[in-house]
Amino acid sequence: MSYNSGYSFPVWEALEYNSTGETSLWESGWGYVEFTPTRTFQRRYGGYFRDCRNFLRVVVRNDGFERRYRGTACRNPNGSWWIASSARVF
Protein backbone atom coordinates (compact mmCIF):
# COMPACT_ATOMS: atom_id res chain seq x y z
CA MET A 1 0.00 0.00 0.00
CA SER A 2 1.09 3.55 -0.65
CA TYR A 3 -0.06 6.86 0.74
CA ASN A 4 0.16 10.16 -1.15
CA SER A 5 0.80 12.95 1.36
CA GLY A 6 -1.28 15.28 -0.85
CA TYR A 7 -4.36 13.57 0.62
CA SER A 8 -5.55 13.22 4.13
CA PHE A 9 -5.20 9.58 5.14
CA PRO A 10 -9.01 9.08 5.42
CA VAL A 11 -9.48 10.16 1.77
CA TRP A 12 -6.74 7.78 0.63
CA GLU A 13 -8.31 5.01 2.70
CA ALA A 14 -11.76 5.63 1.14
CA LEU A 15 -10.30 5.59 -2.38
CA GLU A 16 -8.46 2.38 -1.61
CA TYR A 17 -11.13 0.41 0.27
CA ASN A 18 -14.65 1.85 -0.13
CA SER A 19 -17.04 0.19 -2.53
CA THR A 20 -18.68 2.38 -5.15
CA GLY A 21 -21.47 4.27 -3.38
CA GLU A 22 -20.06 3.64 0.12
CA THR A 23 -19.68 6.90 2.09
CA SER A 24 -17.01 7.60 4.69
CA LEU A 25 -17.65 10.33 7.27
CA TRP A 26 -14.99 12.26 9.20
CA GLU A 27 -15.92 14.67 11.97
CA SER A 28 -13.82 17.42 13.49
CA GLY A 29 -14.33 20.42 15.75
CA TRP A 30 -15.37 22.61 12.80
CA GLY A 31 -17.83 20.19 11.12
CA TYR A 32 -17.58 17.07 8.99
CA VAL A 33 -16.63 15.70 5.57
CA GLU A 34 -18.42 12.97 3.63
CA PHE A 35 -16.47 11.22 0.86
CA THR A 36 -18.13 8.79 -1.57
CA PRO A 37 -16.50 7.02 -4.53
CA THR A 38 -19.20 7.09 -7.24
CA ARG A 39 -17.62 5.17 -10.13
CA THR A 40 -14.55 2.99 -10.68
CA PHE A 41 -12.93 2.69 -14.12
CA GLN A 42 -9.63 2.59 -15.99
CA ARG A 43 -8.12 5.47 -17.96
CA ARG A 44 -5.16 5.36 -20.34
CA TYR A 45 -2.21 7.53 -19.26
CA GLY A 46 1.22 7.41 -20.89
CA GLY A 47 0.71 4.15 -22.74
CA TYR A 48 -0.82 2.14 -19.90
CA PHE A 49 -4.09 2.02 -17.97
CA ARG A 50 -4.57 3.41 -14.46
CA ASP A 51 -7.33 2.61 -12.00
CA CYS A 52 -9.44 5.72 -11.43
CA ARG A 53 -12.43 6.61 -9.26
CA ASN A 54 -14.94 9.41 -9.53
CA PHE A 55 -15.98 10.79 -6.16
CA LEU A 56 -18.31 13.19 -4.36
CA ARG A 57 -16.93 15.13 -1.39
CA VAL A 58 -19.28 17.12 0.87
CA VAL A 59 -17.84 19.55 3.42
CA VAL A 60 -20.23 20.87 6.10
CA ARG A 61 -19.23 23.37 8.78
CA ASN A 62 -20.95 23.61 12.15
CA ASP A 63 -22.54 26.93 11.09
CA GLY A 64 -24.37 25.10 8.26
CA PHE A 65 -22.08 26.27 5.44
CA GLU A 66 -21.86 23.44 2.88
CA ARG A 67 -19.78 22.82 -0.25
CA ARG A 68 -20.01 19.86 -2.64
CA TYR A 69 -17.22 18.76 -4.96
CA ARG A 70 -17.11 16.16 -7.73
CA GLY A 71 -13.80 14.85 -8.94
CA THR A 72 -11.66 12.04 -10.26
CA ALA A 73 -8.71 10.39 -8.53
CA CYS A 74 -6.32 8.01 -10.29
CA ARG A 75 -3.73 5.58 -9.00
CA ASN A 76 -0.07 6.32 -9.72
CA PRO A 77 2.24 3.49 -10.81
CA ASN A 78 3.65 3.40 -7.24
CA GLY A 79 0.15 2.71 -5.83
CA SER A 80 -0.56 6.18 -4.42
CA TRP A 81 -3.66 8.18 -5.42
CA TRP A 82 -3.76 11.67 -6.96
CA ILE A 83 -6.65 13.96 -7.82
CA ALA A 84 -6.83 14.23 -11.61
CA SER A 85 -9.71 16.76 -11.43
CA SER A 86 -12.01 18.35 -8.89
CA ALA A 87 -14.68 21.02 -9.19
CA ARG A 88 -17.26 22.54 -6.89
CA VAL A 89 -20.83 21.50 -7.61
CA PHE A 90 -23.39 24.30 -7.33
PDB file of N, CA and C in Angstrom:
ATOM      1  N   MET A   1       0.841  -1.179   0.000  1.00  0.00           N
ATOM      2  CA  MET A   1       0.000   0.000   0.000  1.00  0.00           C
ATOM      3  C   MET A   1       0.884   1.239   0.000  1.00  0.00           C
ATOM      4  N   SER A   2       0.348   2.301  -0.574  1.00  0.00           N
ATOM      5  CA  SER A   2       1.086   3.552  -0.650  1.00  0.00           C
ATOM      6  C   SER A   2       0.155   4.688  -0.276  1.00  0.00           C
ATOM      7  N   TYR A   3       0.723   5.713   0.311  1.00  0.00           N
ATOM      8  CA  TYR A   3      -0.064   6.861   0.745  1.00  0.00           C
ATOM      9  C   TYR A   3       0.527   8.116   0.140  1.00  0.00           C
ATOM     10  N   ASN A   4      -0.278   8.904  -0.553  1.00  0.00           N
ATOM     11  CA  ASN A   4       0.158  10.155  -1.149  1.00  0.00           C
ATOM     12  C   ASN A   4      -0.096  11.264  -0.140  1.00  0.00           C
ATOM     13  N   SER A   5       0.947  11.944   0.314  1.00  0.00           N
ATOM     14  CA  SER A   5       0.803  12.955   1.361  1.00  0.00           C
ATOM     15  C   SER A   5      -0.030  14.146   0.908  1.00  0.00           C
ATOM     16  N   GLY A   6      -0.388  14.224  -0.379  1.00  0.00           N
ATOM     17  CA  GLY A   6      -1.284  15.277  -0.845  1.00  0.00           C
ATOM     18  C   GLY A   6      -2.719  15.056  -0.386  1.00  0.00           C
ATOM     19  N   TYR A   7      -3.028  13.902   0.119  1.00  0.00           N
ATOM     20  CA  TYR A   7      -4.359  13.569   0.623  1.00  0.00           C
ATOM     21  C   TYR A   7      -4.306  13.428   2.123  1.00  0.00           C
ATOM     22  N   SER A   8      -5.444  13.651   2.746  1.00  0.00           N
ATOM     23  CA  SER A   8      -5.547  13.218   4.132  1.00  0.00           C
ATOM     24  C   SER A   8      -5.652  11.698   4.106  1.00  0.00           C
ATOM     25  N   PHE A   9      -5.174  11.045   5.129  1.00  0.00           N
ATOM     26  CA  PHE A   9      -5.203   9.585   5.140  1.00  0.00           C
ATOM     27  C   PHE A   9      -6.616   9.040   4.977  1.00  0.00           C
ATOM     28  N   PRO A  10      -7.664   9.632   5.620  1.00  0.00           N
ATOM     29  CA  PRO A  10      -9.014   9.082   5.421  1.00  0.00           C
ATOM     30  C   PRO A  10      -9.470   9.090   3.958  1.00  0.00           C
ATOM     31  N   VAL A  11      -9.103  10.119   3.191  1.00  0.00           N
ATOM     32  CA  VAL A  11      -9.483  10.156   1.773  1.00  0.00           C
ATOM     33  C   VAL A  11      -8.774   9.032   1.024  1.00  0.00           C
ATOM     34  N   TRP A  12      -7.482   8.865   1.260  1.00  0.00           N
ATOM     35  CA  TRP A  12      -6.739   7.782   0.631  1.00  0.00           C
ATOM     36  C   TRP A  12      -7.378   6.435   0.977  1.00  0.00           C
ATOM     37  N   GLU A  13      -7.713   6.261   2.242  1.00  0.00           N
ATOM     38  CA  GLU A  13      -8.310   5.009   2.697  1.00  0.00           C
ATOM     39  C   GLU A  13      -9.653   4.749   1.995  1.00  0.00           C
ATOM     40  N   ALA A  14     -10.473   5.787   1.831  1.00  0.00           N
ATOM     41  CA  ALA A  14     -11.755   5.632   1.144  1.00  0.00           C
ATOM     42  C   ALA A  14     -11.557   5.277  -0.324  1.00  0.00           C
ATOM     43  N   LEU A  15     -10.590   5.932  -0.988  1.00  0.00           N
ATOM     44  CA  LEU A  15     -10.302   5.592  -2.381  1.00  0.00           C
ATOM     45  C   LEU A  15      -9.831   4.154  -2.508  1.00  0.00           C
ATOM     46  N   GLU A  16      -9.054   3.714  -1.559  1.00  0.00           N
ATOM     47  CA  GLU A  16      -8.464   2.380  -1.606  1.00  0.00           C
ATOM     48  C   GLU A  16      -9.468   1.280  -1.277  1.00  0.00           C
ATOM     49  N   TYR A  17     -10.333   1.503  -0.280  1.00  0.00           N
ATOM     50  CA  TYR A  17     -11.132   0.408   0.271  1.00  0.00           C
ATOM     51  C   TYR A  17     -12.652   0.533   0.120  1.00  0.00           C
ATOM     52  N   ASN A  18     -13.193   1.726  -0.046  1.00  0.00           N
ATOM     53  CA  ASN A  18     -14.650   1.848  -0.126  1.00  0.00           C
ATOM     54  C   ASN A  18     -15.184   1.269  -1.429  1.00  0.00           C
ATOM     55  N   SER A  19     -16.320   0.627  -1.345  1.00  0.00           N
ATOM     56  CA  SER A  19     -17.036   0.188  -2.533  1.00  0.00           C
ATOM     57  C   SER A  19     -17.658   1.407  -3.195  1.00  0.00           C
ATOM     58  N   THR A  20     -17.969   1.298  -4.471  1.00  0.00           N
ATOM     59  CA  THR A  20     -18.677   2.378  -5.152  1.00  0.00           C
ATOM     60  C   THR A  20     -19.991   2.635  -4.427  1.00  0.00           C
ATOM     61  N   GLY A  21     -20.252   3.892  -4.082  1.00  0.00           N
ATOM     62  CA  GLY A  21     -21.468   4.267  -3.377  1.00  0.00           C
ATOM     63  C   GLY A  21     -21.345   4.235  -1.863  1.00  0.00           C
ATOM     64  N   GLU A  22     -20.256   3.717  -1.335  1.00  0.00           N
ATOM     65  CA  GLU A  22     -20.056   3.641   0.122  1.00  0.00           C
ATOM     66  C   GLU A  22     -19.440   4.953   0.625  1.00  0.00           C
ATOM     67  N   THR A  23     -20.099   5.606   1.573  1.00  0.00           N
ATOM     68  CA  THR A  23     -19.677   6.898   2.092  1.00  0.00           C
ATOM     69  C   THR A  23     -18.886   6.744   3.379  1.00  0.00           C
ATOM     70  N   SER A  24     -17.772   7.476   3.455  1.00  0.00           N
ATOM     71  CA  SER A  24     -17.014   7.602   4.693  1.00  0.00           C
ATOM     72  C   SER A  24     -17.302   8.980   5.270  1.00  0.00           C
ATOM     73  N   LEU A  25     -17.350   9.074   6.589  1.00  0.00           N
ATOM     74  CA  LEU A  25     -17.649  10.333   7.274  1.00  0.00           C
ATOM     75  C   LEU A  25     -16.542  10.611   8.277  1.00  0.00           C
ATOM     76  N   TRP A  26     -16.005  11.833   8.237  1.00  0.00           N
ATOM     77  CA  TRP A  26     -14.993  12.257   9.202  1.00  0.00           C
ATOM     78  C   TRP A  26     -15.466  13.522   9.874  1.00  0.00           C
ATOM     79  N   GLU A  27     -15.480  13.521  11.186  1.00  0.00           N
ATOM     80  CA  GLU A  27     -15.919  14.673  11.967  1.00  0.00           C
ATOM     81  C   GLU A  27     -14.715  15.354  12.605  1.00  0.00           C
ATOM     82  N   SER A  28     -14.848  16.662  12.788  1.00  0.00           N
ATOM     83  CA  SER A  28     -13.816  17.418  13.493  1.00  0.00           C
ATOM     84  C   SER A  28     -14.519  18.515  14.290  1.00  0.00           C
ATOM     85  N   GLY A  29     -13.748  19.350  14.952  1.00  0.00           N
ATOM     86  CA  GLY A  29     -14.331  20.420  15.748  1.00  0.00           C
ATOM     87  C   GLY A  29     -15.062  21.468  14.930  1.00  0.00           C
ATOM     88  N   TRP A  30     -14.756  21.587  13.654  1.00  0.00           N
ATOM     89  CA  TRP A  30     -15.371  22.609  12.804  1.00  0.00           C
ATOM     90  C   TRP A  30     -16.550  22.091  11.994  1.00  0.00           C
ATOM     91  N   GLY A  31     -16.744  20.760  11.913  1.00  0.00           N
ATOM     92  CA  GLY A  31     -17.830  20.195  11.116  1.00  0.00           C
ATOM     93  C   GLY A  31     -17.509  18.775  10.701  1.00  0.00           C
ATOM     94  N   TYR A  32     -17.860  18.431   9.453  1.00  0.00           N
ATOM     95  CA  TYR A  32     -17.580  17.074   8.986  1.00  0.00           C
ATOM     96  C   TYR A  32     -17.392  17.057   7.474  1.00  0.00           C
ATOM     97  N   VAL A  33     -16.833  15.944   7.004  1.00  0.00           N
ATOM     98  CA  VAL A  33     -16.630  15.697   5.573  1.00  0.00           C
ATOM     99  C   VAL A  33     -17.194  14.325   5.252  1.00  0.00           C
ATOM    100  N   GLU A  34     -17.960  14.245   4.174  1.00  0.00           N
ATOM    101  CA  GLU A  34     -18.423  12.970   3.627  1.00  0.00           C
ATOM    102  C   GLU A  34     -17.672  12.755   2.316  1.00  0.00           C
ATOM    103  N   PHE A  35     -17.208  11.540   2.080  1.00  0.00           N
ATOM    104  CA  PHE A  35     -16.471  11.218   0.865  1.00  0.00           C
ATOM    105  C   PHE A  35     -17.016   9.909   0.310  1.00  0.00           C
ATOM    106  N   THR A  36     -17.492   9.951  -0.956  1.00  0.00           N
ATOM    107  CA  THR A  36     -18.126   8.789  -1.570  1.00  0.00           C
ATOM    108  C   THR A  36     -17.549   8.522  -2.956  1.00  0.00           C
ATOM    109  N   PRO A  37     -16.865   7.399  -3.171  1.00  0.00           N
ATOM    110  CA  PRO A  37     -16.502   7.017  -4.535  1.00  0.00           C
ATOM    111  C   PRO A  37     -17.791   6.682  -5.306  1.00  0.00           C
ATOM    112  N   THR A  38     -17.945   7.258  -6.497  1.00  0.00           N
ATOM    113  CA  THR A  38     -19.199   7.090  -7.239  1.00  0.00           C
ATOM    114  C   THR A  38     -19.059   6.236  -8.499  1.00  0.00           C
ATOM    115  N   ARG A  39     -17.835   5.987  -8.936  1.00  0.00           N
ATOM    116  CA  ARG A  39     -17.617   5.171 -10.135  1.00  0.00           C
ATOM    117  C   ARG A  39     -16.156   4.733 -10.152  1.00  0.00           C
ATOM    118  N   THR A  40     -15.909   3.507 -10.558  1.00  0.00           N
ATOM    119  CA  THR A  40     -14.552   2.985 -10.679  1.00  0.00           C
ATOM    120  C   THR A  40     -14.337   2.580 -12.138  1.00  0.00           C
ATOM    121  N   PHE A  41     -13.199   2.966 -12.700  1.00  0.00           N
ATOM    122  CA  PHE A  41     -12.933   2.687 -14.117  1.00  0.00           C
ATOM    123  C   PHE A  41     -11.435   2.747 -14.369  1.00  0.00           C
ATOM    124  N   GLN A  42     -11.022   2.462 -15.596  1.00  0.00           N
ATOM    125  CA  GLN A  42      -9.627   2.588 -15.988  1.00  0.00           C
ATOM    126  C   GLN A  42      -9.507   3.652 -17.062  1.00  0.00           C
ATOM    127  N   ARG A  43      -8.401   4.405 -17.000  1.00  0.00           N
ATOM    128  CA  ARG A  43      -8.121   5.469 -17.961  1.00  0.00           C
ATOM    129  C   ARG A  43      -6.693   5.286 -18.466  1.00  0.00           C
ATOM    130  N   ARG A  44      -6.498   5.508 -19.754  1.00  0.00           N
ATOM    131  CA  ARG A  44      -5.157   5.364 -20.337  1.00  0.00           C
ATOM    132  C   ARG A  44      -4.345   6.637 -20.066  1.00  0.00           C
ATOM    133  N   TYR A  45      -3.174   6.458 -19.482  1.00  0.00           N
ATOM    134  CA  TYR A  45      -2.207   7.535 -19.260  1.00  0.00           C
ATOM    135  C   TYR A  45      -0.835   7.031 -19.672  1.00  0.00           C
ATOM    136  N   GLY A  46      -0.160   7.743 -20.537  1.00  0.00           N
ATOM    137  CA  GLY A  46       1.215   7.413 -20.888  1.00  0.00           C
ATOM    138  C   GLY A  46       1.433   5.998 -21.387  1.00  0.00           C
ATOM    139  N   GLY A  47       0.518   5.459 -22.150  1.00  0.00           N
ATOM    140  CA  GLY A  47       0.708   4.151 -22.735  1.00  0.00           C
ATOM    141  C   GLY A  47       0.239   2.983 -21.890  1.00  0.00           C
ATOM    142  N   TYR A  48      -0.292   3.236 -20.713  1.00  0.00           N
ATOM    143  CA  TYR A  48      -0.824   2.144 -19.898  1.00  0.00           C
ATOM    144  C   TYR A  48      -2.080   2.629 -19.178  1.00  0.00           C
ATOM    145  N   PHE A  49      -2.839   1.690 -18.636  1.00  0.00           N
ATOM    146  CA  PHE A  49      -4.090   2.020 -17.971  1.00  0.00           C
ATOM    147  C   PHE A  49      -3.885   2.194 -16.479  1.00  0.00           C
ATOM    148  N   ARG A  50      -4.584   3.172 -15.911  1.00  0.00           N
ATOM    149  CA  ARG A  50      -4.568   3.409 -14.465  1.00  0.00           C
ATOM    150  C   ARG A  50      -5.975   3.212 -13.919  1.00  0.00           C
ATOM    151  N   ASP A  51      -6.046   2.681 -12.704  1.00  0.00           N
ATOM    152  CA  ASP A  51      -7.325   2.607 -12.003  1.00  0.00           C
ATOM    153  C   ASP A  51      -7.701   4.018 -11.571  1.00  0.00           C
ATOM    154  N   CYS A  52      -8.953   4.393 -11.803  1.00  0.00           N
ATOM    155  CA  CYS A  52      -9.443   5.718 -11.431  1.00  0.00           C
ATOM    156  C   CYS A  52     -10.793   5.583 -10.731  1.00  0.00           C
ATOM    157  N   ARG A  53     -11.137   6.595  -9.945  1.00  0.00           N
ATOM    158  CA  ARG A  53     -12.426   6.613  -9.258  1.00  0.00           C
ATOM    159  C   ARG A  53     -12.978   8.028  -9.286  1.00  0.00           C
ATOM    160  N   ASN A  54     -14.231   8.151  -9.718  1.00  0.00           N
ATOM    161  CA  ASN A  54     -14.941   9.406  -9.531  1.00  0.00           C
ATOM    162  C   ASN A  54     -15.406   9.460  -8.083  1.00  0.00           C
ATOM    163  N   PHE A  55     -15.557  10.669  -7.552  1.00  0.00           N
ATOM    164  CA  PHE A  55     -15.983  10.791  -6.160  1.00  0.00           C
ATOM    165  C   PHE A  55     -16.827  12.039  -5.949  1.00  0.00           C
ATOM    166  N   LEU A  56     -17.569  12.033  -4.847  1.00  0.00           N
ATOM    167  CA  LEU A  56     -18.312  13.191  -4.360  1.00  0.00           C
ATOM    168  C   LEU A  56     -17.795  13.473  -2.958  1.00  0.00           C
ATOM    169  N   ARG A  57     -17.389  14.716  -2.712  1.00  0.00           N
ATOM    170  CA  ARG A  57     -16.928  15.134  -1.385  1.00  0.00           C
ATOM    171  C   ARG A  57     -17.841  16.255  -0.914  1.00  0.00           C
ATOM    172  N   VAL A  58     -18.396  16.111   0.287  1.00  0.00           N
ATOM    173  CA  VAL A  58     -19.284  17.117   0.866  1.00  0.00           C
ATOM    174  C   VAL A  58     -18.623  17.610   2.147  1.00  0.00           C
ATOM    175  N   VAL A  59     -18.436  18.925   2.241  1.00  0.00           N
ATOM    176  CA  VAL A  59     -17.839  19.554   3.415  1.00  0.00           C
ATOM    177  C   VAL A  59     -18.910  20.400   4.081  1.00  0.00           C
ATOM    178  N   VAL A  60     -19.184  20.140   5.362  1.00  0.00           N
ATOM    179  CA  VAL A  60     -20.234  20.871   6.096  1.00  0.00           C
ATOM    180  C   VAL A  60     -19.629  21.418   7.385  1.00  0.00           C
ATOM    181  N   ARG A  61     -19.706  22.747   7.543  1.00  0.00           N
ATOM    182  CA  ARG A  61     -19.230  23.371   8.778  1.00  0.00           C
ATOM    183  C   ARG A  61     -20.344  23.392   9.814  1.00  0.00           C
ATOM    184  N   ASN A  62     -19.970  23.572  11.061  1.00  0.00           N
ATOM    185  CA  ASN A  62     -20.948  23.614  12.155  1.00  0.00           C
ATOM    186  C   ASN A  62     -21.971  24.737  11.994  1.00  0.00           C
ATOM    187  N   ASP A  63     -21.604  25.815  11.297  1.00  0.00           N
ATOM    188  CA  ASP A  63     -22.540  26.926  11.092  1.00  0.00           C
ATOM    189  C   ASP A  63     -23.504  26.672   9.933  1.00  0.00           C
ATOM    190  N   GLY A  64     -23.463  25.459   9.331  1.00  0.00           N
ATOM    191  CA  GLY A  64     -24.374  25.097   8.256  1.00  0.00           C
ATOM    192  C   GLY A  64     -23.837  25.347   6.857  1.00  0.00           C
ATOM    193  N   PHE A  65     -22.701  26.024   6.732  1.00  0.00           N
ATOM    194  CA  PHE A  65     -22.081  26.266   5.435  1.00  0.00           C
ATOM    195  C   PHE A  65     -21.709  24.932   4.811  1.00  0.00           C
ATOM    196  N   GLU A  66     -22.099  24.719   3.555  1.00  0.00           N
ATOM    197  CA  GLU A  66     -21.860  23.444   2.877  1.00  0.00           C
ATOM    198  C   GLU A  66     -21.293  23.667   1.486  1.00  0.00           C
ATOM    199  N   ARG A  67     -20.331  22.823   1.105  1.00  0.00           N
ATOM    200  CA  ARG A  67     -19.784  22.818  -0.250  1.00  0.00           C
ATOM    201  C   ARG A  67     -19.730  21.376  -0.729  1.00  0.00           C
ATOM    202  N   ARG A  68     -20.057  21.178  -2.009  1.00  0.00           N
ATOM    203  CA  ARG A  68     -20.007  19.857  -2.639  1.00  0.00           C
ATOM    204  C   ARG A  68     -19.014  19.914  -3.791  1.00  0.00           C
ATOM    205  N   TYR A  69     -18.226  18.861  -3.915  1.00  0.00           N
ATOM    206  CA  TYR A  69     -17.220  18.760  -4.964  1.00  0.00           C
ATOM    207  C   TYR A  69     -17.334  17.404  -5.643  1.00  0.00           C
ATOM    208  N   ARG A  70     -17.218  17.401  -6.963  1.00  0.00           N
ATOM    209  CA  ARG A  70     -17.106  16.156  -7.728  1.00  0.00           C
ATOM    210  C   ARG A  70     -15.713  16.132  -8.320  1.00  0.00           C
ATOM    211  N   GLY A  71     -15.139  14.939  -8.397  1.00  0.00           N
ATOM    212  CA  GLY A  71     -13.804  14.850  -8.943  1.00  0.00           C
ATOM    213  C   GLY A  71     -13.446  13.450  -9.373  1.00  0.00           C
ATOM    214  N   THR A  72     -12.209  13.319  -9.833  1.00  0.00           N
ATOM    215  CA  THR A  72     -11.660  12.041 -10.256  1.00  0.00           C
ATOM    216  C   THR A  72     -10.281  11.886  -9.648  1.00  0.00           C
ATOM    217  N   ALA A  73     -10.037  10.734  -9.055  1.00  0.00           N
ATOM    218  CA  ALA A  73      -8.709  10.394  -8.534  1.00  0.00           C
ATOM    219  C   ALA A  73      -8.213   9.171  -9.286  1.00  0.00           C
ATOM    220  N   CYS A  74      -6.911   9.146  -9.579  1.00  0.00           N
ATOM    221  CA  CYS A  74      -6.318   8.012 -10.288  1.00  0.00           C
ATOM    222  C   CYS A  74      -5.104   7.502  -9.520  1.00  0.00           C
ATOM    223  N   ARG A  75      -4.854   6.219  -9.683  1.00  0.00           N
ATOM    224  CA  ARG A  75      -3.732   5.579  -8.997  1.00  0.00           C
ATOM    225  C   ARG A  75      -2.455   5.777  -9.803  1.00  0.00           C
ATOM    226  N   ASN A  76      -1.395   6.205  -9.119  1.00  0.00           N
ATOM    227  CA  ASN A  76      -0.070   6.317  -9.715  1.00  0.00           C
ATOM    228  C   ASN A  76       0.549   4.926  -9.848  1.00  0.00           C
ATOM    229  N   PRO A  77       1.575   4.782 -10.689  1.00  0.00           N
ATOM    230  CA  PRO A  77       2.244   3.486 -10.813  1.00  0.00           C
ATOM    231  C   PRO A  77       2.784   2.950  -9.477  1.00  0.00           C
ATOM    232  N   ASN A  78       3.132   3.844  -8.531  1.00  0.00           N
ATOM    233  CA  ASN A  78       3.648   3.396  -7.239  1.00  0.00           C
ATOM    234  C   ASN A  78       2.547   3.012  -6.254  1.00  0.00           C
ATOM    235  N   GLY A  79       1.272   3.113  -6.682  1.00  0.00           N
ATOM    236  CA  GLY A  79       0.151   2.714  -5.832  1.00  0.00           C
ATOM    237  C   GLY A  79      -0.520   3.849  -5.102  1.00  0.00           C
ATOM    238  N   SER A  80       0.066   5.043  -5.097  1.00  0.00           N
ATOM    239  CA  SER A  80      -0.562   6.178  -4.423  1.00  0.00           C
ATOM    240  C   SER A  80      -1.697   6.733  -5.294  1.00  0.00           C
ATOM    241  N   TRP A  81      -2.542   7.557  -4.707  1.00  0.00           N
ATOM    242  CA  TRP A  81      -3.656   8.178  -5.423  1.00  0.00           C
ATOM    243  C   TRP A  81      -3.376   9.661  -5.607  1.00  0.00           C
ATOM    244  N   TRP A  82      -3.844  10.230  -6.738  1.00  0.00           N
ATOM    245  CA  TRP A  82      -3.756  11.666  -6.963  1.00  0.00           C
ATOM    246  C   TRP A  82      -5.062  12.148  -7.567  1.00  0.00           C
ATOM    247  N   ILE A  83      -5.418  13.387  -7.278  1.00  0.00           N
ATOM    248  CA  ILE A  83      -6.646  13.961  -7.817  1.00  0.00           C
ATOM    249  C   ILE A  83      -6.363  14.467  -9.229  1.00  0.00           C
ATOM    250  N   ALA A  84      -7.007  13.838 -10.210  1.00  0.00           N
ATOM    251  CA  ALA A  84      -6.828  14.233 -11.609  1.00  0.00           C
ATOM    252  C   ALA A  84      -7.683  15.454 -11.923  1.00  0.00           C
ATOM    253  N   SER A  85      -8.841  15.587 -11.252  1.00  0.00           N
ATOM    254  CA  SER A  85      -9.705  16.755 -11.431  1.00  0.00           C
ATOM    255  C   SER A  85     -10.646  16.864 -10.243  1.00  0.00           C
ATOM    256  N   SER A  86     -11.052  18.089  -9.959  1.00  0.00           N
ATOM    257  CA  SER A  86     -12.009  18.351  -8.889  1.00  0.00           C
ATOM    258  C   SER A  86     -12.656  19.698  -9.144  1.00  0.00           C
ATOM    259  N   ALA A  87     -13.966  19.773  -8.968  1.00  0.00           N
ATOM    260  CA  ALA A  87     -14.685  21.018  -9.190  1.00  0.00           C
ATOM    261  C   ALA A  87     -15.863  21.111  -8.227  1.00  0.00           C
ATOM    262  N   ARG A  88     -16.130  22.329  -7.783  1.00  0.00           N
ATOM    263  CA  ARG A  88     -17.258  22.541  -6.892  1.00  0.00           C
ATOM    264  C   ARG A  88     -18.566  22.366  -7.662  1.00  0.00           C
ATOM    265  N   VAL A  89     -19.514  21.719  -7.031  1.00  0.00           N
ATOM    266  CA  VAL A  89     -20.835  21.498  -7.614  1.00  0.00           C
ATOM    267  C   VAL A  89     -21.761  22.538  -7.015  1.00  0.00           C
ATOM    268  N   PHE A  90     -22.487  23.268  -7.842  1.00  0.00           N
ATOM    269  CA  PHE A  90     -23.393  24.305  -7.327  1.00  0.00           C
ATOM    270  C   PHE A  90     -24.758  23.759  -7.100  1.00  0.00           C
TER     271      PHE A  90
END
